[in-house]
Amino acid sequence: MKYQDLTGKVALVTGGSSGIGKATALAYAQQGMRVAIVDINEEQANKVACDINSVGGESIAIRADVSQGDQVAAIISKVVDEFGQLDVAFNNAGIDLENTPLAKVEEDTFDKLMAVNVKGVWLCMKYEIEQMLAQGCGGAIVNTASIGGVIGSPRMPIYGATKHAVVSMTKTAAVEYGRKGIRVNSVCPGVINTEMARQAFARDPRREAIATQAHPIGRLGEAEDVANAVLFLSSTESAFILGHQLMVDGGYTAI
């Protein structure tokens, strides 16, 4: 589907070098958007940007750790220096380090998950919103939450907690900045066939069959399934949607 209002706009994608982030960056580019791809993996981010540029798109890659405020501020500055504005942000960077009951989680694991999945999303929204307010033209922000942000997540207690936090921040930001024309929503993917999921399956091979069975649609999601939802929330087709958690989960949470 072509969203005419996105053509020529500037999008920022964190965690854009692989999986859902990469699929969304490519989808934005196909809409005629200029795309900044942010990732801690500079080599992979550059590859995605080159893929976009090689077919006539406009893209840059930025290496950054979203848990560091100075680096996030620098991201926004670089995007504006390169493209002149920021219209859309997809805050997707996140990590999953668990396959452990709550009482067995190490403190270091807790801290790492909170730093990237919660602090990182907050920092990105903070600086994105500041830029959008300065521009005075509104904007759209989409955060990656998870089904783990709305239901319990056995053996993923801290990951689930981080995604509940993303849902809460999304709702709050939507209420605070909706009247300024800044729409903030989130996507809540089910189990998506990405490298992160495959790493989790490698840690516990039983999880893939269990996860597939848990989705009434009968399959795992693909990164493009989520990218399509993000496109919708980024466009004015969703102009009256704020603070929403769009479930992209093959019916997982419908049971």
C-alpha atoms as a PDB file:
ATOM      1  CA  MET A   1       0.000   0.000   0.000  1.00  0.00           C
ATOM      2  CA  LYS A   2       1.246   3.474  -0.865  1.00  0.00           C
ATOM      3  CA  TYR A   3       0.929   6.155   1.824  1.00  0.00           C
ATOM      4  CA  GLN A   4       1.228   9.361  -0.181  1.00  0.00           C
ATOM      5  CA  ASP A   5       1.708  11.530   2.905  1.00  0.00           C
ATOM      6  CA  LEU A   6       4.964   9.747   3.771  1.00  0.00           C
ATOM      7  CA  THR A   7       6.733  10.583   0.508  1.00  0.00           C
ATOM      8  CA  GLY A   8       9.608  12.976   1.123  1.00  0.00           C
ATOM      9  CA  LYS A   9       9.344  12.740   4.908  1.00  0.00           C
ATOM     10  CA  VAL A  10      12.284  11.882   7.162  1.00  0.00           C
ATOM     11  CA  ALA A  11      12.231   8.756   9.310  1.00  0.00           C
ATOM     12  CA  LEU A  12      14.541   7.567  12.058  1.00  0.00           C
ATOM     13  CA  VAL A  13      14.753   3.843  12.858  1.00  0.00           C
ATOM     14  CA  THR A  14      16.658   2.546  15.873  1.00  0.00           C
ATOM     15  CA  GLY A  15      17.720  -1.071  15.818  1.00  0.00           C
ATOM     16  CA  GLY A  16      17.523  -0.692  12.063  1.00  0.00           C
ATOM     17  CA  SER A  17      20.263  -3.069  10.970  1.00  0.00           C
ATOM     18  CA  SER A  18      18.278  -6.306  11.189  1.00  0.00           C
ATOM     19  CA  GLY A  19      14.917  -7.913  11.825  1.00  0.00           C
ATOM     20  CA  ILE A  20      11.907  -5.677  12.353  1.00  0.00           C
ATOM     21  CA  GLY A  21      13.991  -2.502  12.195  1.00  0.00           C
ATOM     22  CA  LYS A  22      15.566  -3.404   8.869  1.00  0.00           C
ATOM     23  CA  ALA A  23      12.227  -4.435   7.370  1.00  0.00           C
ATOM     24  CA  THR A  24      10.685  -1.143   8.481  1.00  0.00           C
ATOM     25  CA  ALA A  25      13.601   0.939   7.201  1.00  0.00           C
ATOM     26  CA  LEU A  26      13.247  -0.707   3.794  1.00  0.00           C
ATOM     27  CA  ALA A  27       9.477  -0.189   3.882  1.00  0.00           C
ATOM     28  CA  TYR A  28       9.912   3.498   4.712  1.00  0.00           C
ATOM     29  CA  ALA A  29      12.337   3.864   1.806  1.00  0.00           C
ATOM     30  CA  GLN A  30       9.859   2.197  -0.541  1.00  0.00           C
ATOM     31  CA  GLN A  31       7.375   4.891   0.486  1.00  0.00           C
ATOM     32  CA  GLY A  32       9.825   7.541  -0.715  1.00  0.00           C
ATOM     33  CA  MET A  33      10.999   8.525   2.746  1.00  0.00           C
ATOM     34  CA  ARG A  34      14.515   9.553   3.672  1.00  0.00           C
ATOM     35  CA  VAL A  35      15.717   7.138   6.326  1.00  0.00           C
ATOM     36  CA  ALA A  36      18.297   7.316   9.114  1.00  0.00           C
ATOM     37  CA  ILE A  37      19.271   3.864  10.335  1.00  0.00           C
ATOM     38  CA  VAL A  38      20.601   3.760  13.883  1.00  0.00           C
ATOM     39  CA  ASP A  39      22.250   0.701  15.361  1.00  0.00           C
ATOM     40  CA  ILE A  40      25.139  -0.302  17.565  1.00  0.00           C
ATOM     41  CA  ASN A  41      26.212  -2.599  14.716  1.00  0.00           C
ATOM     42  CA  GLU A  42      27.678  -0.008  12.371  1.00  0.00           C
ATOM     43  CA  GLU A  43      28.638  -2.476   9.650  1.00  0.00           C
ATOM     44  CA  GLN A  44      25.139  -3.884   9.328  1.00  0.00           C
ATOM     45  CA  ALA A  45      23.535  -0.439   9.518  1.00  0.00           C
ATOM     46  CA  ASN A  46      25.780   0.758   6.701  1.00  0.00           C
ATOM     47  CA  LYS A  47      24.794  -2.241   4.615  1.00  0.00           C
ATOM     48  CA  VAL A  48      21.082  -1.477   4.970  1.00  0.00           C
ATOM     49  CA  ALA A  49      21.683   2.188   4.116  1.00  0.00           C
ATOM     50  CA  CYS A  50      23.714   1.174   1.066  1.00  0.00           C
ATOM     51  CA  ASP A  51      20.947  -1.175  -0.058  1.00  0.00           C
ATOM     52  CA  ILE A  52      18.479   1.721   0.081  1.00  0.00           C
ATOM     53  CA  ASN A  53      20.804   4.141  -1.683  1.00  0.00           C
ATOM     54  CA  SER A  54      21.635   1.616  -4.407  1.00  0.00           C
ATOM     55  CA  VAL A  55      18.033   1.624  -5.621  1.00  0.00           C
ATOM     56  CA  GLY A  56      17.654   5.398  -5.619  1.00  0.00           C
ATOM     57  CA  GLY A  57      16.612   6.016  -2.034  1.00  0.00           C
ATOM     58  CA  GLU A  58      18.180   8.326   0.531  1.00  0.00           C
ATOM     59  CA  SER A  59      19.589   6.832   3.693  1.00  0.00           C
ATOM     60  CA  ILE A  60      22.346   7.297   6.244  1.00  0.00           C
ATOM     61  CA  ALA A  61      23.662   4.983   8.941  1.00  0.00           C
ATOM     62  CA  ILE A  62      24.477   6.172  12.447  1.00  0.00           C
ATOM     63  CA  ARG A  63      26.271   4.082  15.039  1.00  0.00           C
ATOM     64  CA  ALA A  64      24.918   4.744  18.518  1.00  0.00           C
ATOM     65  CA  ASP A  65      24.071   3.180  21.845  1.00  0.00           C
ATOM     66  CA  VAL A  66      20.539   4.343  22.628  1.00  0.00           C
ATOM     67  CA  SER A  67      21.116   3.919  26.366  1.00  0.00           C
ATOM     68  CA  GLN A  68      23.534   6.874  26.311  1.00  0.00           C
ATOM     69  CA  GLY A  69      21.917  10.305  26.320  1.00  0.00           C
ATOM     70  CA  ASP A  70      24.743  12.152  24.604  1.00  0.00           C
ATOM     71  CA  GLN A  71      24.711   9.647  21.764  1.00  0.00           C
ATOM     72  CA  VAL A  72      20.938   9.923  21.326  1.00  0.00           C
ATOM     73  CA  ALA A  73      21.137  13.722  21.234  1.00  0.00           C
ATOM     74  CA  ALA A  74      23.843  13.384  18.587  1.00  0.00           C
ATOM     75  CA  ILE A  75      21.583  11.107  16.521  1.00  0.00           C
ATOM     76  CA  ILE A  76      18.927  13.799  16.265  1.00  0.00           C
ATOM     77  CA  SER A  77      21.493  16.455  15.406  1.00  0.00           C
ATOM     78  CA  LYS A  78      22.951  14.320  12.641  1.00  0.00           C
ATOM     79  CA  VAL A  79      19.532  13.506  11.172  1.00  0.00           C
ATOM     80  CA  VAL A  80      18.567  17.191  11.101  1.00  0.00           C
ATOM     81  CA  ASP A  81      21.951  18.218   9.707  1.00  0.00           C
ATOM     82  CA  GLU A  82      21.615  15.647   6.915  1.00  0.00           C
ATOM     83  CA  PHE A  83      17.912  15.882   6.080  1.00  0.00           C
ATOM     84  CA  GLY A  84      16.757  19.165   7.642  1.00  0.00           C
ATOM     85  CA  GLN A  85      13.968  17.725   9.775  1.00  0.00           C
ATOM     86  CA  LEU A  86      12.540  14.726  11.624  1.00  0.00           C
ATOM     87  CA  ASP A  87       8.982  13.639  10.865  1.00  0.00           C
ATOM     88  CA  VAL A  88       8.716  10.011  11.955  1.00  0.00           C
ATOM     89  CA  ALA A  89      10.590   7.899  14.500  1.00  0.00           C
ATOM     90  CA  PHE A  90      10.457   4.150  15.030  1.00  0.00           C
ATOM     91  CA  ASN A  91      12.068   3.326  18.365  1.00  0.00           C
ATOM     92  CA  ASN A  92      12.793  -0.333  17.882  1.00  0.00           C
ATOM     93  CA  ALA A  93      16.202  -1.019  19.443  1.00  0.00           C
ATOM     94  CA  GLY A  94      15.945  -3.681  22.114  1.00  0.00           C
ATOM     95  CA  ILE A  95      17.577  -6.763  23.572  1.00  0.00           C
ATOM     96  CA  ASP A  96      16.423 -10.086  25.030  1.00  0.00           C
ATOM     97  CA  LEU A  97      18.871 -11.862  27.333  1.00  0.00           C
ATOM     98  CA  GLU A  98      16.578 -14.191  29.259  1.00  0.00           C
ATOM     99  CA  ASN A  99      15.293 -17.708  29.500  1.00  0.00           C
ATOM    100  CA  THR A 100      15.143 -17.680  33.261  1.00  0.00           C
ATOM    101  CA  PRO A 101      12.552 -17.623  36.055  1.00  0.00           C
ATOM    102  CA  LEU A 102      12.403 -14.328  37.931  1.00  0.00           C
ATOM    103  CA  ALA A 103      14.277 -15.552  41.026  1.00  0.00           C
ATOM    104  CA  LYS A 104      17.185 -16.735  38.867  1.00  0.00           C
ATOM    105  CA  VAL A 105      17.738 -13.502  36.917  1.00  0.00           C
ATOM    106  CA  GLU A 106      21.141 -11.908  37.506  1.00  0.00           C
ATOM    107  CA  GLU A 107      21.314  -8.247  38.501  1.00  0.00           C
ATOM    108  CA  ASP A 108      23.548  -7.464  35.528  1.00  0.00           C
ATOM    109  CA  THR A 109      20.929  -8.894  33.165  1.00  0.00           C
ATOM    110  CA  PHE A 110      18.249  -6.729  34.784  1.00  0.00           C
ATOM    111  CA  ASP A 111      20.387  -3.607  34.384  1.00  0.00           C
ATOM    112  CA  LYS A 112      21.241  -4.290  30.730  1.00  0.00           C
ATOM    113  CA  LEU A 113      17.622  -4.925  29.753  1.00  0.00           C
ATOM    114  CA  MET A 114      16.397  -1.806  31.533  1.00  0.00           C
ATOM    115  CA  ALA A 115      19.154   0.343  30.032  1.00  0.00           C
ATOM    116  CA  VAL A 116      18.370  -0.501  26.416  1.00  0.00           C
ATOM    117  CA  ASN A 117      14.677  -1.385  26.427  1.00  0.00           C
ATOM    118  CA  VAL A 118      13.398   1.289  28.814  1.00  0.00           C
ATOM    119  CA  LYS A 119      15.983   4.046  29.166  1.00  0.00           C
ATOM    120  CA  GLY A 120      16.781   3.808  25.459  1.00  0.00           C
ATOM    121  CA  VAL A 121      13.164   4.305  24.412  1.00  0.00           C
ATOM    122  CA  TRP A 122      12.734   7.157  26.889  1.00  0.00           C
ATOM    123  CA  LEU A 123      15.877   8.922  25.664  1.00  0.00           C
ATOM    124  CA  CYS A 124      14.854   8.540  22.037  1.00  0.00           C
ATOM    125  CA  MET A 125      11.375   9.910  22.680  1.00  0.00           C
ATOM    126  CA  LYS A 126      12.789  12.760  24.771  1.00  0.00           C
ATOM    127  CA  TYR A 127      15.042  14.061  22.011  1.00  0.00           C
ATOM    128  CA  GLU A 128      12.675  13.221  19.150  1.00  0.00           C
ATOM    129  CA  ILE A 129       9.830  15.097  20.809  1.00  0.00           C
ATOM    130  CA  GLU A 130      12.072  18.086  21.540  1.00  0.00           C
ATOM    131  CA  GLN A 131      12.960  18.255  17.842  1.00  0.00           C
ATOM    132  CA  MET A 132       9.365  17.826  16.685  1.00  0.00           C
ATOM    133  CA  LEU A 133       8.197  20.558  19.060  1.00  0.00           C
ATOM    134  CA  ALA A 134      10.906  22.886  17.761  1.00  0.00           C
ATOM    135  CA  GLN A 135       9.787  22.238  14.184  1.00  0.00           C
ATOM    136  CA  GLY A 136       6.176  22.970  15.113  1.00  0.00           C
ATOM    137  CA  CYS A 137       4.718  20.557  12.562  1.00  0.00           C
ATOM    138  CA  GLY A 138       3.915  17.561  14.740  1.00  0.00           C
ATOM    139  CA  GLY A 139       5.111  14.092  13.895  1.00  0.00           C
ATOM    140  CA  ALA A 140       4.614  10.399  14.496  1.00  0.00           C
ATOM    141  CA  ILE A 141       6.485   8.142  16.905  1.00  0.00           C
ATOM    142  CA  VAL A 142       6.081   4.376  17.031  1.00  0.00           C
ATOM    143  CA  ASN A 143       7.684   2.312  19.784  1.00  0.00           C
ATOM    144  CA  THR A 144       8.303  -1.418  19.705  1.00  0.00           C
ATOM    145  CA  ALA A 145       6.652  -2.980  22.740  1.00  0.00           C
ATOM    146  CA  SER A 146       5.649  -6.665  22.717  1.00  0.00           C
ATOM    147  CA  ILE A 147       2.925  -9.089  23.643  1.00  0.00           C
ATOM    148  CA  GLY A 148       5.146  -9.331  26.719  1.00  0.00           C
ATOM    149  CA  GLY A 149       4.101  -5.765  27.461  1.00  0.00           C
ATOM    150  CA  VAL A 150       0.448  -6.694  27.955  1.00  0.00           C
ATOM    151  CA  ILE A 151       0.554 -10.264  29.323  1.00  0.00           C
ATOM    152  CA  GLY A 152       2.794 -12.253  31.643  1.00  0.00           C
ATOM    153  CA  SER A 153       5.963 -13.680  30.120  1.00  0.00           C
ATOM    154  CA  PRO A 154       7.204 -16.823  31.889  1.00  0.00           C
ATOM    155  CA  ARG A 155      11.000 -17.105  31.853  1.00  0.00           C
ATOM    156  CA  MET A 156      11.209 -13.568  30.454  1.00  0.00           C
ATOM    157  CA  PRO A 157      10.274 -11.565  33.573  1.00  0.00           C
ATOM    158  CA  ILE A 158      12.526  -8.555  33.078  1.00  0.00           C
ATOM    159  CA  TYR A 159      12.067  -8.373  29.310  1.00  0.00           C
ATOM    160  CA  GLY A 160       8.317  -8.380  29.937  1.00  0.00           C
ATOM    161  CA  ALA A 161       8.701  -5.659  32.550  1.00  0.00           C
ATOM    162  CA  THR A 162      10.642  -3.490  30.102  1.00  0.00           C
ATOM    163  CA  LYS A 163       7.923  -3.835  27.497  1.00  0.00           C
ATOM    164  CA  HIS A 164       5.205  -2.983  30.020  1.00  0.00           C
ATOM    165  CA  ALA A 165       7.235   0.169  30.666  1.00  0.00           C
ATOM    166  CA  VAL A 166       7.307   0.964  26.940  1.00  0.00           C
ATOM    167  CA  VAL A 167       3.520   0.632  26.806  1.00  0.00           C
ATOM    168  CA  SER A 168       3.161   3.004  29.764  1.00  0.00           C
ATOM    169  CA  MET A 169       5.564   5.601  28.339  1.00  0.00           C
ATOM    170  CA  THR A 170       3.788   5.401  24.989  1.00  0.00           C
ATOM    171  CA  LYS A 171       0.419   6.158  26.563  1.00  0.00           C
ATOM    172  CA  THR A 172       1.792   8.986  28.680  1.00  0.00           C
ATOM    173  CA  ALA A 173       3.651  10.649  25.808  1.00  0.00           C
ATOM    174  CA  ALA A 174       0.549  10.392  23.625  1.00  0.00           C
ATOM    175  CA  VAL A 175      -1.535  12.190  26.248  1.00  0.00           C
ATOM    176  CA  GLU A 176       1.106  14.835  26.910  1.00  0.00           C
ATOM    177  CA  TYR A 177       1.904  15.730  23.293  1.00  0.00           C
ATOM    178  CA  GLY A 178      -1.199  14.844  21.288  1.00  0.00           C
ATOM    179  CA  ARG A 179      -2.382  18.460  21.237  1.00  0.00           C
ATOM    180  CA  LYS A 180       0.965  19.428  19.739  1.00  0.00           C
ATOM    181  CA  GLY A 181       0.305  17.177  16.764  1.00  0.00           C
ATOM    182  CA  ILE A 182       2.714  14.466  17.878  1.00  0.00           C
ATOM    183  CA  ARG A 183       1.129  11.037  17.728  1.00  0.00           C
ATOM    184  CA  VAL A 184       2.764   8.314  19.822  1.00  0.00           C
ATOM    185  CA  ASN A 185       1.752   4.662  19.484  1.00  0.00           C
ATOM    186  CA  SER A 186       3.339   1.260  19.851  1.00  0.00           C
ATOM    187  CA  VAL A 187       3.338  -2.077  18.107  1.00  0.00           C
ATOM    188  CA  CYS A 188       3.185  -5.252  20.181  1.00  0.00           C
ATOM    189  CA  PRO A 189       4.630  -8.074  18.087  1.00  0.00           C
ATOM    190  CA  GLY A 190       4.059 -11.711  18.845  1.00  0.00           C
ATOM    191  CA  VAL A 191       6.942 -14.073  18.232  1.00  0.00           C
ATOM    192  CA  ILE A 192       8.582 -12.854  15.035  1.00  0.00           C
ATOM    193  CA  ASN A 193      10.966 -14.905  12.905  1.00  0.00           C
ATOM    194  CA  THR A 194      14.034 -12.729  13.454  1.00  0.00           C
ATOM    195  CA  GLU A 195      17.610 -13.349  14.534  1.00  0.00           C
ATOM    196  CA  MET A 196      16.665 -12.425  18.111  1.00  0.00           C
ATOM    197  CA  ALA A 197      13.982 -15.116  18.136  1.00  0.00           C
ATOM    198  CA  ARG A 198      16.286 -17.668  16.552  1.00  0.00           C
ATOM    199  CA  GLN A 199      18.875 -16.995  19.251  1.00  0.00           C
ATOM    200  CA  ALA A 200      16.205 -17.587  21.891  1.00  0.00           C
ATOM    201  CA  PHE A 201      15.193 -20.840  20.206  1.00  0.00           C
ATOM    202  CA  ALA A 202      18.834 -21.922  20.172  1.00  0.00           C
ATOM    203  CA  ARG A 203      18.980 -21.451  23.947  1.00  0.00           C
ATOM    204  CA  ASP A 204      15.889 -23.642  24.358  1.00  0.00           C
ATOM    205  CA  PRO A 205      14.876 -25.603  21.210  1.00  0.00           C
ATOM    206  CA  ARG A 206      11.433 -26.390  22.659  1.00  0.00           C
ATOM    207  CA  ARG A 207      10.413 -22.747  22.456  1.00  0.00           C
ATOM    208  CA  GLU A 208       9.894 -22.594  18.679  1.00  0.00           C
ATOM    209  CA  ALA A 209       7.232 -25.305  18.583  1.00  0.00           C
ATOM    210  CA  ILE A 210       5.561 -23.908  21.693  1.00  0.00           C
ATOM    211  CA  ALA A 211       5.565 -20.393  20.247  1.00  0.00           C
ATOM    212  CA  THR A 212       4.153 -21.485  16.901  1.00  0.00           C
ATOM    213  CA  GLN A 213       1.368 -23.427  18.592  1.00  0.00           C
ATOM    214  CA  ALA A 214       0.469 -20.396  20.718  1.00  0.00           C
ATOM    215  CA  HIS A 215      -0.401 -18.276  17.663  1.00  0.00           C
ATOM    216  CA  PRO A 216      -3.930 -19.073  16.411  1.00  0.00           C
ATOM    217  CA  ILE A 217      -2.852 -18.138  12.889  1.00  0.00           C
ATOM    218  CA  GLY A 218      -0.606 -21.208  12.967  1.00  0.00           C
ATOM    219  CA  ARG A 219       2.744 -19.588  12.222  1.00  0.00           C
ATOM    220  CA  LEU A 220       5.302 -17.191  13.594  1.00  0.00           C
ATOM    221  CA  GLY A 221       5.223 -13.609  12.404  1.00  0.00           C
ATOM    222  CA  GLU A 222       7.593 -12.152   9.844  1.00  0.00           C
ATOM    223  CA  ALA A 223       9.393  -8.839  10.186  1.00  0.00           C
ATOM    224  CA  GLU A 224       7.368  -7.475   7.274  1.00  0.00           C
ATOM    225  CA  ASP A 225       4.134  -8.121   9.194  1.00  0.00           C
ATOM    226  CA  VAL A 226       5.298  -5.660  11.825  1.00  0.00           C
ATOM    227  CA  ALA A 227       6.727  -3.202   9.293  1.00  0.00           C
ATOM    228  CA  ASN A 228       3.319  -2.943   7.626  1.00  0.00           C
ATOM    229  CA  ALA A 229       1.727  -2.042  10.963  1.00  0.00           C
ATOM    230  CA  VAL A 230       4.418   0.551  11.662  1.00  0.00           C
ATOM    231  CA  LEU A 231       3.837   2.157   8.259  1.00  0.00           C
ATOM    232  CA  PHE A 232       0.149   2.556   9.059  1.00  0.00           C
ATOM    233  CA  LEU A 233       0.853   4.137  12.454  1.00  0.00           C
ATOM    234  CA  SER A 234       3.433   6.437  10.842  1.00  0.00           C
ATOM    235  CA  SER A 235       0.999   7.745   8.239  1.00  0.00           C
ATOM    236  CA  THR A 236      -1.944  10.112   8.475  1.00  0.00           C
ATOM    237  CA  GLU A 237      -4.218   7.142   7.768  1.00  0.00           C
ATOM    238  CA  SER A 238      -3.949   6.649  11.545  1.00  0.00           C
ATOM    239  CA  ALA A 239      -4.433  10.344  12.352  1.00  0.00           C
ATOM    240  CA  PHE A 240      -7.029   9.707  15.097  1.00  0.00           C
ATOM    241  CA  ILE A 241      -5.020   6.959  16.809  1.00  0.00           C
ATOM    242  CA  LEU A 242      -2.914   7.975  19.824  1.00  0.00           C
ATOM    243  CA  GLY A 243      -1.538   5.982  22.743  1.00  0.00           C
ATOM    244  CA  HIS A 244      -2.550   2.716  21.120  1.00  0.00           C
ATOM    245  CA  GLN A 245      -0.902  -0.682  21.361  1.00  0.00           C
ATOM    246  CA  LEU A 246      -1.369  -2.378  17.998  1.00  0.00           C
ATOM    247  CA  MET A 247      -1.179  -6.129  18.479  1.00  0.00           C
ATOM    248  CA  VAL A 248       0.725  -7.765  15.622  1.00  0.00           C
ATOM    249  CA  ASP A 249       0.588 -11.220  17.110  1.00  0.00           C
ATOM    250  CA  GLY A 250      -1.359 -13.651  14.940  1.00  0.00           C
ATOM    251  CA  GLY A 251      -4.082 -13.792  17.582  1.00  0.00           C
ATOM    252  CA  TYR A 252      -1.744 -14.705  20.447  1.00  0.00           C
ATOM    253  CA  THR A 253      -3.384 -12.325  22.926  1.00  0.00           C
ATOM    254  CA  ALA A 254      -6.912 -13.068  21.684  1.00  0.00           C
ATOM    255  CA  ILE A 255      -6.997 -16.372  23.531  1.00  0.00           C
END
